[in-house]
Amino acid sequence: MDAWCAIVERIRTEQRDQAWQHKIFRAFRAVFESNARLSEEGGFLFNTIAETYVDSALMLIRREWDLLS
């Protein structure tokens, strides 16, 4: 039973963290979409934020894959 509780807690923690990261990413995207000047001048920043978000999501999948292997 303790093993199942640990698995469920890990899943809950990973899902919560991923949800927060996605919310923050959407907030940054909204700022860049609503501000044309920022989009033009700070596009590299948005790309960095997007790449970081994607990398984080892929690492989540990779960690899960490693646990299954």
C-alpha atoms as a PDB file:
ATOM      1  CA  MET A   1       0.000   0.000   0.000  1.00  0.00           C
ATOM      2  CA  ASP A   2       2.853   2.418   0.780  1.00  0.00           C
ATOM      3  CA  ALA A   3       4.271   1.859  -2.703  1.00  0.00           C
ATOM      4  CA  TRP A   4       0.953   2.854  -4.300  1.00  0.00           C
ATOM      5  CA  CYS A   5       0.730   5.949  -2.124  1.00  0.00           C
ATOM      6  CA  ALA A   6       4.229   6.965  -3.197  1.00  0.00           C
ATOM      7  CA  ILE A   7       3.351   6.461  -6.884  1.00  0.00           C
ATOM      8  CA  VAL A   8       0.142   8.465  -6.603  1.00  0.00           C
ATOM      9  CA  GLU A   9       1.923  11.260  -4.735  1.00  0.00           C
ATOM     10  CA  ARG A  10       4.661  11.422  -7.381  1.00  0.00           C
ATOM     11  CA  ILE A  11       2.049  11.598 -10.157  1.00  0.00           C
ATOM     12  CA  ARG A  12       0.160  14.326  -8.293  1.00  0.00           C
ATOM     13  CA  THR A  13       3.320  16.364  -7.793  1.00  0.00           C
ATOM     14  CA  GLU A  14       4.418  16.022 -11.423  1.00  0.00           C
ATOM     15  CA  GLN A  15       0.969  16.957 -12.712  1.00  0.00           C
ATOM     16  CA  ARG A  16       0.744  19.983 -10.411  1.00  0.00           C
ATOM     17  CA  ASP A  17       4.177  21.217 -11.475  1.00  0.00           C
ATOM     18  CA  GLN A  18       3.385  20.710 -15.160  1.00  0.00           C
ATOM     19  CA  ALA A  19       0.069  22.561 -14.797  1.00  0.00           C
ATOM     20  CA  TRP A  20       1.798  25.553 -13.179  1.00  0.00           C
ATOM     21  CA  GLN A  21       4.458  25.637 -15.882  1.00  0.00           C
ATOM     22  CA  HIS A  22       1.765  25.573 -18.564  1.00  0.00           C
ATOM     23  CA  LYS A  23      -0.163  28.370 -16.838  1.00  0.00           C
ATOM     24  CA  ILE A  24       2.955  30.535 -16.633  1.00  0.00           C
ATOM     25  CA  PHE A  25       3.763  29.839 -20.287  1.00  0.00           C
ATOM     26  CA  ARG A  26       0.218  30.865 -21.328  1.00  0.00           C
ATOM     27  CA  ALA A  27       0.544  34.066 -19.292  1.00  0.00           C
ATOM     28  CA  PHE A  28       3.827  34.978 -21.013  1.00  0.00           C
ATOM     29  CA  ARG A  29       2.310  34.180 -24.398  1.00  0.00           C
ATOM     30  CA  ALA A  30      -0.673  36.455 -23.664  1.00  0.00           C
ATOM     31  CA  VAL A  31       1.677  39.317 -22.770  1.00  0.00           C
ATOM     32  CA  PHE A  32       3.629  38.920 -25.993  1.00  0.00           C
ATOM     33  CA  GLU A  33       0.485  38.572 -28.120  1.00  0.00           C
ATOM     34  CA  SER A  34      -1.093  41.709 -26.662  1.00  0.00           C
ATOM     35  CA  ASN A  35       2.022  43.892 -26.965  1.00  0.00           C
ATOM     36  CA  ALA A  36       3.183  44.349 -30.565  1.00  0.00           C
ATOM     37  CA  ARG A  37       6.343  46.241 -29.578  1.00  0.00           C
ATOM     38  CA  LEU A  38       7.367  43.529 -27.136  1.00  0.00           C
ATOM     39  CA  SER A  39       6.677  40.876 -29.764  1.00  0.00           C
ATOM     40  CA  GLU A  40       8.927  42.649 -32.258  1.00  0.00           C
ATOM     41  CA  GLU A  41      11.772  43.549 -29.913  1.00  0.00           C
ATOM     42  CA  GLY A  42      11.626  40.676 -27.450  1.00  0.00           C
ATOM     43  CA  GLY A  43      10.761  37.795 -29.747  1.00  0.00           C
ATOM     44  CA  PHE A  44      13.957  36.009 -28.775  1.00  0.00           C
ATOM     45  CA  LEU A  45      12.801  36.085 -25.144  1.00  0.00           C
ATOM     46  CA  PHE A  46       9.468  34.474 -26.011  1.00  0.00           C
ATOM     47  CA  ASN A  47      11.279  31.813 -28.047  1.00  0.00           C
ATOM     48  CA  THR A  48      13.515  31.084 -25.057  1.00  0.00           C
ATOM     49  CA  ILE A  49      10.489  30.794 -22.772  1.00  0.00           C
ATOM     50  CA  ALA A  50       8.745  28.483 -25.251  1.00  0.00           C
ATOM     51  CA  GLU A  51      11.831  26.294 -25.661  1.00  0.00           C
ATOM     52  CA  THR A  52      12.242  26.053 -21.889  1.00  0.00           C
ATOM     53  CA  TYR A  53       8.614  25.005 -21.499  1.00  0.00           C
ATOM     54  CA  VAL A  54       8.934  22.350 -24.210  1.00  0.00           C
ATOM     55  CA  ASP A  55      12.190  21.057 -22.709  1.00  0.00           C
ATOM     56  CA  SER A  56      10.527  20.794 -19.318  1.00  0.00           C
ATOM     57  CA  ALA A  57       7.593  18.844 -20.749  1.00  0.00           C
ATOM     58  CA  LEU A  58       9.931  16.494 -22.602  1.00  0.00           C
ATOM     59  CA  MET A  59      11.985  15.896 -19.457  1.00  0.00           C
ATOM     60  CA  LEU A  60       8.794  14.935 -17.630  1.00  0.00           C
ATOM     61  CA  ILE A  61       8.102  12.319 -20.300  1.00  0.00           C
ATOM     62  CA  ARG A  62      11.721  11.168 -20.218  1.00  0.00           C
ATOM     63  CA  ARG A  63      11.663  10.699 -16.434  1.00  0.00           C
ATOM     64  CA  GLU A  64       8.523   8.611 -16.740  1.00  0.00           C
ATOM     65  CA  TRP A  65      10.091   6.535 -19.523  1.00  0.00           C
ATOM     66  CA  ASP A  66      13.215   5.943 -17.435  1.00  0.00           C
ATOM     67  CA  LEU A  67      11.098   4.694 -14.545  1.00  0.00           C
ATOM     68  CA  LEU A  68       9.362   2.203 -16.838  1.00  0.00           C
ATOM     69  CA  SER A  69      12.598   0.921 -18.367  1.00  0.00           C
END
